[in-house]
Amino acid sequence: MTRALVEAAQRGDHEAFEVLAIAAGDRLFRIARLVLRDIQLAEDAVQEALVKAWRELPGLRDPERFDAWTYRLLVNACADQGRRHRSRATEVRILRLEPAEPDSSQVSADRDQLERGFRRLKPDQRVAIVLHFYLGLSALEIADTLGVPVGTVKSRLHYATEAMRATLEADARQSVAAANGRLA
């Protein structure tokens, strides 16, 4: 069904593209929000990616690759948004993907630690982490989506994981030092 919609949209069918855009919109927004860490920038990136998708859709050679192609457009739009707003100080928000539920203090602390680590990653590392752990794409699929060598994706995932680990370990050392200071 997606193939038929893509092919219809490639021929200029606005309604077919609208169905595709609505189906992809929420997923693209969640990805952009995770990468950019800012709701307004994420909305702008999704809109930019969908506008570009409409304009460039006739050139898409394989309609089966529509999802991967839109991910690539979104990643590029996120990079554009990040560059445009790099000098602007952004408000840091903790974003939840699941509905708010009563939370234990340890789960909140763990989530805060992960958020701090994620914020410290380079944008290309964040993209790799989101595509791998959030979308479940393999390194080969990420490489294909981003148009980079698979080794580059593996490197980004490795360094992102190491950076996250270092942040968590630093936080743990600070917690131990703070606890020791209180006990002394």
Protein backbone atom coordinates (compact mmCIF):
# COMPACT_ATOMS: atom_id res chain seq x y z
CA MET A 1 0.00 0.00 0.00
CA THR A 2 2.83 2.44 0.83
CA ARG A 3 4.41 1.77 -2.56
CA ALA A 4 1.16 2.67 -4.32
CA LEU A 5 0.83 5.85 -2.26
CA VAL A 6 4.43 6.85 -2.99
CA GLU A 7 3.99 6.23 -6.69
CA ALA A 8 0.76 8.24 -6.73
CA ALA A 9 2.44 11.08 -4.84
CA GLN A 10 5.34 10.98 -7.28
CA ARG A 11 2.83 11.66 -10.04
CA GLY A 12 1.63 14.74 -8.14
CA ASP A 13 -1.27 13.30 -6.12
CA HIS A 14 -1.54 15.69 -3.15
CA GLU A 15 -3.92 13.42 -1.25
CA ALA A 16 -1.56 10.45 -1.49
CA PHE A 17 1.30 12.56 -0.17
CA GLU A 18 -0.91 13.85 2.64
CA VAL A 19 -1.61 10.26 3.72
CA LEU A 20 2.13 9.51 3.66
CA ALA A 21 2.99 12.71 5.56
CA ILE A 22 0.37 12.08 8.24
CA ALA A 23 1.55 8.48 8.66
CA ALA A 24 5.19 9.57 9.01
CA GLY A 25 4.66 12.87 10.86
CA ASP A 26 4.51 11.67 14.47
CA ARG A 27 7.44 9.28 14.01
CA LEU A 28 9.53 11.99 12.34
CA PHE A 29 8.66 14.47 15.09
CA ARG A 30 9.70 12.05 17.85
CA ILE A 31 13.03 11.47 16.13
CA ALA A 32 13.63 15.19 15.58
CA ARG A 33 12.71 15.95 19.17
CA LEU A 34 15.18 13.38 20.45
CA VAL A 35 17.95 14.68 18.20
CA LEU A 36 17.38 18.42 18.63
CA ARG A 37 16.13 18.44 22.23
CA ASP A 38 13.82 21.36 21.41
CA ILE A 39 10.16 21.06 20.45
CA GLN A 40 10.02 24.13 18.20
CA LEU A 41 13.20 23.20 16.35
CA ALA A 42 11.87 19.66 15.93
CA GLU A 43 8.62 20.94 14.46
CA ASP A 44 10.56 23.16 12.05
CA ALA A 45 12.83 20.27 11.04
CA VAL A 46 9.87 17.98 10.33
CA GLN A 47 8.15 20.63 8.27
CA GLU A 48 11.36 21.32 6.34
CA ALA A 49 11.85 17.60 5.69
CA LEU A 50 8.27 17.10 4.49
CA VAL A 51 8.41 20.12 2.19
CA LYS A 52 11.66 18.81 0.73
CA ALA A 53 10.12 15.34 0.42
CA TRP A 54 7.23 16.73 -1.63
CA ARG A 55 9.56 18.70 -3.89
CA GLU A 56 12.05 15.87 -4.42
CA LEU A 57 9.64 12.90 -4.40
CA PRO A 58 9.54 12.55 -8.20
CA GLY A 59 13.28 11.80 -8.08
CA LEU A 60 12.97 8.97 -5.55
CA ARG A 61 14.03 5.90 -7.54
CA ASP A 62 12.79 3.18 -5.18
CA PRO A 63 9.37 3.80 -3.59
CA GLU A 64 10.12 0.98 -1.10
CA ARG A 65 12.87 3.21 0.37
CA PHE A 66 10.46 6.05 1.21
CA ASP A 67 10.87 5.69 4.99
CA ALA A 68 14.68 5.55 4.88
CA TRP A 69 14.67 8.47 2.46
CA THR A 70 12.47 10.58 4.77
CA TYR A 71 14.77 9.74 7.71
CA ARG A 72 17.70 11.06 5.70
CA LEU A 73 15.79 14.23 4.83
CA LEU A 74 14.87 14.65 8.49
CA VAL A 75 18.44 14.13 9.71
CA ASN A 76 19.63 16.77 7.24
CA ALA A 77 16.85 19.14 8.34
CA CYS A 78 17.82 18.57 11.98
CA ALA A 79 21.43 19.40 11.13
CA ASP A 80 20.27 22.58 9.36
CA GLN A 81 18.15 23.59 12.34
CA GLY A 82 21.01 22.90 14.72
CA ARG A 83 23.40 25.04 12.67
CA ARG A 84 20.90 27.90 12.41
CA HIS A 85 20.25 27.95 16.13
CA ARG A 86 23.64 26.94 17.50
CA SER A 87 24.46 30.42 18.75
CA ARG A 88 21.08 30.74 20.45
CA ALA A 89 20.98 29.47 24.02
CA THR A 90 18.33 26.78 24.14
CA GLU A 91 16.22 25.87 27.07
CA VAL A 92 16.91 22.34 28.20
CA ARG A 93 13.80 20.24 28.66
CA ILE A 94 13.49 16.70 29.87
CA LEU A 95 11.30 15.05 27.26
CA ARG A 96 9.32 11.93 27.98
CA LEU A 97 8.21 9.56 25.29
CA GLU A 98 5.79 7.71 27.48
CA PRO A 99 2.82 9.13 29.38
CA ALA A 100 3.70 10.64 32.73
CA GLU A 101 3.29 8.12 35.53
CA PRO A 102 4.14 8.19 39.20
CA ASP A 103 7.88 7.76 39.30
CA SER A 104 10.30 6.63 41.97
CA SER A 105 13.14 8.99 42.78
CA GLN A 106 15.77 6.50 41.52
CA VAL A 107 14.08 6.15 38.13
CA SER A 108 13.95 9.96 37.84
CA ALA A 109 17.61 10.22 38.82
CA ASP A 110 18.55 7.59 36.24
CA ARG A 111 16.54 9.38 33.55
CA ASP A 112 18.23 12.69 34.44
CA GLN A 113 21.68 11.07 34.20
CA LEU A 114 20.88 9.64 30.77
CA GLU A 115 19.53 13.00 29.63
CA ARG A 116 22.74 14.77 30.74
CA GLY A 117 24.83 12.23 28.89
CA PHE A 118 22.68 12.46 25.77
CA ARG A 119 22.91 16.27 25.73
CA ARG A 120 26.71 16.06 25.71
CA LEU A 121 26.82 13.97 22.54
CA LYS A 122 27.68 15.48 19.18
CA PRO A 123 24.63 15.79 16.88
CA ASP A 124 25.85 13.03 14.54
CA GLN A 125 26.29 10.72 17.54
CA ARG A 126 22.77 11.57 18.77
CA VAL A 127 21.37 10.72 15.34
CA ALA A 128 23.14 7.35 15.35
CA ILE A 129 21.91 6.57 18.87
CA VAL A 130 18.31 7.54 18.04
CA LEU A 131 18.23 5.58 14.78
CA HIS A 132 19.83 2.52 16.41
CA PHE A 133 18.19 2.34 19.83
CA TYR A 134 14.92 4.18 19.19
CA LEU A 135 14.11 2.96 15.67
CA GLY A 136 15.99 -0.31 15.99
CA LEU A 137 17.94 0.14 12.75
CA SER A 138 21.12 -1.87 12.23
CA ALA A 139 24.43 -0.15 11.52
CA LEU A 140 24.06 -1.09 7.85
CA GLU A 141 20.54 0.39 7.69
CA ILE A 142 21.73 3.58 9.41
CA ALA A 143 24.63 3.86 6.98
CA ASP A 144 22.24 3.46 4.07
CA THR A 145 19.82 6.00 5.54
CA LEU A 146 22.51 8.60 6.24
CA GLY A 147 24.58 7.92 3.13
CA VAL A 148 27.76 7.27 5.12
CA PRO A 149 30.01 4.20 5.36
CA VAL A 150 28.95 1.53 7.85
CA GLY A 151 32.28 1.99 9.64
CA THR A 152 31.38 5.62 10.29
CA VAL A 153 28.09 4.56 11.87
CA LYS A 154 29.84 1.97 14.04
CA SER A 155 32.36 4.59 15.10
CA ARG A 156 29.63 7.08 15.99
CA LEU A 157 27.75 4.47 18.00
CA HIS A 158 30.95 3.41 19.77
CA TYR A 159 32.02 6.94 20.72
CA ALA A 160 28.48 7.90 21.71
CA THR A 161 28.22 4.87 23.98
CA GLU A 162 31.62 5.63 25.50
CA ALA A 163 30.64 9.27 26.08
CA MET A 164 27.38 8.21 27.75
CA ARG A 165 29.28 5.70 29.92
CA ALA A 166 31.82 8.37 30.93
CA THR A 167 29.03 10.75 31.92
CA LEU A 168 27.31 8.10 34.02
CA GLU A 169 30.57 7.13 35.70
CA ALA A 170 31.40 10.79 36.45
CA ASP A 171 27.95 11.28 37.98
CA ALA A 172 28.44 8.15 40.10
CA ARG A 173 31.82 9.41 41.34
CA GLN A 174 30.26 12.76 42.25
CA SER A 175 27.48 11.02 44.14
CA VAL A 176 29.97 8.92 46.10
CA ALA A 177 32.11 11.99 46.85
CA ALA A 178 29.06 13.91 48.01
CA ALA A 179 27.96 11.02 50.21
CA ASN A 180 31.46 10.70 51.70
CA GLY A 181 31.53 14.44 52.38
CA ARG A 182 28.26 14.20 54.30
CA LEU A 183 29.52 11.26 56.32
CA ALA A 184 32.78 12.93 57.34
